[in-house]
Amino acid sequence: MSVKKSDIAVKSEVRIAVIRVASDIVFESSMSTIDIKSAVTEALTAGTPLTLSDVRGHEIIVPADKIGYVEIGESASRRVGFGAA
């Protein structure tokens, strides 16, 4: 049985830099990059907290005025083995 790429759940990797915090918040989300981008834009425009969820169902809440930047991208599939890339 073959599985089409469109049938596989696409995960997005999200990195949020918080102002005056040394480390970034990094997690994978089952939300699409478009949905994440619109949630970030809405939070920044309205001044409300940014609320996203990760693939395990945990919620990440960041105050909009503390967001330094948000980086969104599709998760790269992890390679297994010792072959040259």
N, C-alpha and C. Protein backbone atom coordinates (compact mmCIF):
# COMPACT_ATOMS: atom_id res chain seq x y z
N MET A 1 0.85 -1.17 0.00
CA MET A 1 0.00 0.00 0.00
C MET A 1 0.89 1.24 0.00
N SER A 2 0.67 2.12 -0.92
CA SER A 2 1.46 3.34 -0.97
C SER A 2 0.67 4.50 -0.36
N VAL A 3 1.40 5.42 0.19
CA VAL A 3 0.78 6.58 0.81
C VAL A 3 1.23 7.82 0.05
N LYS A 4 0.25 8.61 -0.38
CA LYS A 4 0.57 9.85 -1.08
C LYS A 4 1.07 10.88 -0.09
N LYS A 5 1.93 11.76 -0.57
CA LYS A 5 2.48 12.81 0.28
C LYS A 5 1.36 13.69 0.85
N SER A 6 0.29 13.87 0.10
CA SER A 6 -0.80 14.71 0.57
C SER A 6 -1.58 14.06 1.70
N ASP A 7 -1.46 12.72 1.85
CA ASP A 7 -2.16 12.01 2.92
C ASP A 7 -1.38 12.05 4.23
N ILE A 8 -0.08 12.36 4.16
CA ILE A 8 0.76 12.42 5.34
C ILE A 8 0.56 13.77 6.01
N ALA A 9 0.41 13.75 7.35
CA ALA A 9 0.22 15.00 8.07
C ALA A 9 1.48 15.84 7.98
N VAL A 10 1.33 17.09 7.57
CA VAL A 10 2.46 18.00 7.44
C VAL A 10 2.66 18.68 8.79
N LYS A 11 3.86 18.63 9.29
CA LYS A 11 4.19 19.28 10.55
C LYS A 11 5.00 20.53 10.25
N SER A 12 4.75 21.55 11.02
CA SER A 12 5.50 22.79 10.88
C SER A 12 6.41 22.95 12.09
N GLU A 13 7.63 23.38 11.84
CA GLU A 13 8.55 23.67 12.94
C GLU A 13 8.46 25.15 13.23
N VAL A 14 8.30 25.49 14.50
CA VAL A 14 8.11 26.87 14.91
C VAL A 14 9.21 27.24 15.90
N ARG A 15 9.81 28.42 15.70
CA ARG A 15 10.81 28.95 16.62
C ARG A 15 10.36 30.35 16.99
N ILE A 16 10.17 30.58 18.29
CA ILE A 16 9.74 31.89 18.79
C ILE A 16 10.82 32.45 19.70
N ALA A 17 11.30 33.63 19.37
CA ALA A 17 12.25 34.33 20.23
C ALA A 17 11.46 35.26 21.15
N VAL A 18 11.73 35.13 22.44
CA VAL A 18 11.04 35.96 23.43
C VAL A 18 12.03 37.02 23.90
N ILE A 19 11.56 38.26 23.97
CA ILE A 19 12.41 39.38 24.37
C ILE A 19 12.93 39.17 25.79
N ARG A 20 14.24 39.40 25.98
CA ARG A 20 14.94 39.28 27.26
C ARG A 20 14.98 37.86 27.81
N VAL A 21 14.87 36.86 26.92
CA VAL A 21 15.03 35.46 27.30
C VAL A 21 16.11 34.87 26.40
N ALA A 22 17.09 34.20 26.99
CA ALA A 22 18.25 33.73 26.23
C ALA A 22 17.93 32.64 25.21
N SER A 23 17.04 31.73 25.54
CA SER A 23 16.76 30.63 24.61
C SER A 23 15.43 30.83 23.90
N ASP A 24 15.34 30.25 22.71
CA ASP A 24 14.12 30.33 21.91
C ASP A 24 13.17 29.20 22.29
N ILE A 25 11.91 29.37 21.97
CA ILE A 25 10.92 28.30 22.12
C ILE A 25 10.85 27.60 20.77
N VAL A 26 11.16 26.31 20.73
CA VAL A 26 11.17 25.55 19.49
C VAL A 26 10.27 24.33 19.67
N PHE A 27 9.33 24.14 18.73
CA PHE A 27 8.44 22.99 18.80
C PHE A 27 7.88 22.70 17.41
N GLU A 28 7.30 21.50 17.27
CA GLU A 28 6.63 21.12 16.03
C GLU A 28 5.12 21.24 16.25
N SER A 29 4.44 21.75 15.26
CA SER A 29 3.00 21.93 15.34
C SER A 29 2.35 21.22 14.17
N SER A 30 1.15 20.72 14.40
CA SER A 30 0.40 20.09 13.31
C SER A 30 -0.38 21.13 12.51
N MET A 31 -0.31 22.39 12.93
CA MET A 31 -0.96 23.48 12.19
C MET A 31 -0.15 23.77 10.93
N SER A 32 -0.83 24.26 9.90
CA SER A 32 -0.13 24.63 8.67
C SER A 32 0.61 25.95 8.88
N THR A 33 1.59 26.20 8.03
CA THR A 33 2.35 27.45 8.14
C THR A 33 1.45 28.67 7.95
N ILE A 34 0.44 28.53 7.10
CA ILE A 34 -0.49 29.64 6.86
C ILE A 34 -1.30 29.94 8.12
N ASP A 35 -1.77 28.88 8.82
CA ASP A 35 -2.54 29.06 10.05
C ASP A 35 -1.68 29.69 11.15
N ILE A 36 -0.43 29.27 11.25
CA ILE A 36 0.47 29.82 12.25
C ILE A 36 0.75 31.29 11.95
N LYS A 37 1.00 31.59 10.69
CA LYS A 37 1.28 32.98 10.30
C LYS A 37 0.09 33.88 10.60
N SER A 38 -1.12 33.41 10.33
CA SER A 38 -2.30 34.24 10.60
C SER A 38 -2.51 34.40 12.10
N ALA A 39 -2.21 33.38 12.91
CA ALA A 39 -2.34 33.49 14.37
C ALA A 39 -1.33 34.49 14.93
N VAL A 40 -0.11 34.48 14.39
CA VAL A 40 0.92 35.43 14.83
C VAL A 40 0.52 36.85 14.44
N THR A 41 0.08 37.04 13.21
CA THR A 41 -0.34 38.36 12.74
C THR A 41 -1.50 38.90 13.57
N GLU A 42 -2.47 38.04 13.84
CA GLU A 42 -3.63 38.47 14.64
C GLU A 42 -3.21 38.86 16.05
N ALA A 43 -2.31 38.07 16.67
CA ALA A 43 -1.86 38.37 18.03
C ALA A 43 -1.10 39.69 18.07
N LEU A 44 -0.23 39.91 17.09
CA LEU A 44 0.56 41.15 17.07
C LEU A 44 -0.32 42.37 16.79
N THR A 45 -1.30 42.22 15.91
CA THR A 45 -2.18 43.33 15.56
C THR A 45 -3.10 43.70 16.73
N ALA A 46 -3.68 42.68 17.37
CA ALA A 46 -4.64 42.92 18.45
C ALA A 46 -3.96 43.12 19.80
N GLY A 47 -2.69 42.73 19.92
CA GLY A 47 -2.00 42.85 21.19
C GLY A 47 -2.41 41.77 22.18
N THR A 48 -2.97 40.69 21.68
CA THR A 48 -3.40 39.58 22.53
C THR A 48 -2.32 38.50 22.55
N PRO A 49 -2.31 37.63 23.55
CA PRO A 49 -1.29 36.57 23.60
C PRO A 49 -1.39 35.64 22.39
N LEU A 50 -0.22 35.20 21.93
CA LEU A 50 -0.14 34.22 20.85
C LEU A 50 -0.31 32.84 21.48
N THR A 51 -1.27 32.08 20.99
CA THR A 51 -1.53 30.74 21.51
C THR A 51 -1.43 29.75 20.37
N LEU A 52 -0.47 28.83 20.47
CA LEU A 52 -0.28 27.77 19.49
C LEU A 52 -0.22 26.44 20.21
N SER A 53 -0.43 25.34 19.49
CA SER A 53 -0.33 24.02 20.11
C SER A 53 0.70 23.18 19.38
N ASP A 54 1.39 22.31 20.14
CA ASP A 54 2.39 21.46 19.53
C ASP A 54 1.77 20.12 19.13
N VAL A 55 2.57 19.23 18.56
CA VAL A 55 2.06 17.96 18.05
C VAL A 55 1.59 17.04 19.17
N ARG A 56 2.02 17.28 20.41
CA ARG A 56 1.60 16.46 21.54
C ARG A 56 0.37 17.01 22.24
N GLY A 57 -0.14 18.14 21.77
CA GLY A 57 -1.34 18.72 22.35
C GLY A 57 -1.10 19.77 23.42
N HIS A 58 0.17 20.10 23.68
CA HIS A 58 0.47 21.15 24.65
C HIS A 58 0.25 22.52 24.02
N GLU A 59 -0.21 23.47 24.84
CA GLU A 59 -0.40 24.82 24.34
C GLU A 59 0.77 25.70 24.73
N ILE A 60 1.22 26.52 23.81
CA ILE A 60 2.29 27.48 24.04
C ILE A 60 1.66 28.85 23.96
N ILE A 61 1.78 29.63 25.02
CA ILE A 61 1.18 30.96 25.09
C ILE A 61 2.29 31.97 25.34
N VAL A 62 2.40 32.96 24.45
CA VAL A 62 3.43 34.00 24.56
C VAL A 62 2.74 35.35 24.45
N PRO A 63 3.00 36.27 25.39
CA PRO A 63 2.43 37.61 25.27
C PRO A 63 2.92 38.28 23.99
N ALA A 64 2.05 38.92 23.27
CA ALA A 64 2.39 39.53 21.98
C ALA A 64 3.50 40.57 22.11
N ASP A 65 3.51 41.33 23.20
CA ASP A 65 4.52 42.38 23.35
C ASP A 65 5.89 41.83 23.73
N LYS A 66 6.01 40.53 23.96
CA LYS A 66 7.29 39.90 24.31
C LYS A 66 7.89 39.11 23.14
N ILE A 67 7.21 39.07 21.99
CA ILE A 67 7.68 38.31 20.84
C ILE A 67 8.78 39.10 20.13
N GLY A 68 9.96 38.48 19.99
CA GLY A 68 11.05 39.09 19.23
C GLY A 68 10.89 38.79 17.76
N TYR A 69 10.77 37.50 17.43
CA TYR A 69 10.50 37.08 16.06
C TYR A 69 9.91 35.67 16.10
N VAL A 70 9.28 35.30 15.00
CA VAL A 70 8.72 33.96 14.85
C VAL A 70 9.22 33.40 13.53
N GLU A 71 9.82 32.23 13.58
CA GLU A 71 10.32 31.55 12.38
C GLU A 71 9.47 30.31 12.17
N ILE A 72 8.92 30.17 10.95
CA ILE A 72 8.02 29.06 10.64
C ILE A 72 8.56 28.33 9.41
N GLY A 73 8.55 27.02 9.45
CA GLY A 73 8.98 26.23 8.30
C GLY A 73 8.48 24.81 8.43
N GLU A 74 8.48 24.09 7.33
CA GLU A 74 8.07 22.69 7.37
C GLU A 74 9.19 21.88 7.97
N SER A 75 8.83 20.91 8.80
CA SER A 75 9.83 20.04 9.42
C SER A 75 10.47 19.17 8.36
N ALA A 76 11.77 19.08 8.42
CA ALA A 76 12.50 18.21 7.49
C ALA A 76 12.40 16.78 8.01
N SER A 77 12.24 15.84 7.09
CA SER A 77 12.19 14.45 7.52
C SER A 77 13.56 14.05 8.01
N ARG A 78 13.58 13.31 9.08
CA ARG A 78 14.85 12.90 9.68
C ARG A 78 15.41 11.72 8.91
N ARG A 79 16.69 11.81 8.61
CA ARG A 79 17.36 10.74 7.88
C ARG A 79 17.96 9.74 8.86
N VAL A 80 17.93 8.49 8.50
CA VAL A 80 18.49 7.44 9.33
C VAL A 80 19.60 6.76 8.55
N GLY A 81 20.70 6.51 9.20
CA GLY A 81 21.79 5.81 8.53
C GLY A 81 23.07 6.60 8.56
N PHE A 82 24.09 6.00 7.94
CA PHE A 82 25.40 6.61 7.95
C PHE A 82 25.86 7.04 6.58
N GLY A 83 24.98 7.06 5.59
CA GLY A 83 25.35 7.44 4.23
C GLY A 83 25.66 8.91 4.13
N ALA A 84 26.42 9.28 3.12
CA ALA A 84 26.74 10.68 2.89
C ALA A 84 25.51 11.41 2.36
N ALA A 85 25.31 12.61 2.83
CA ALA A 85 24.13 13.38 2.43
C ALA A 85 24.36 14.12 1.14
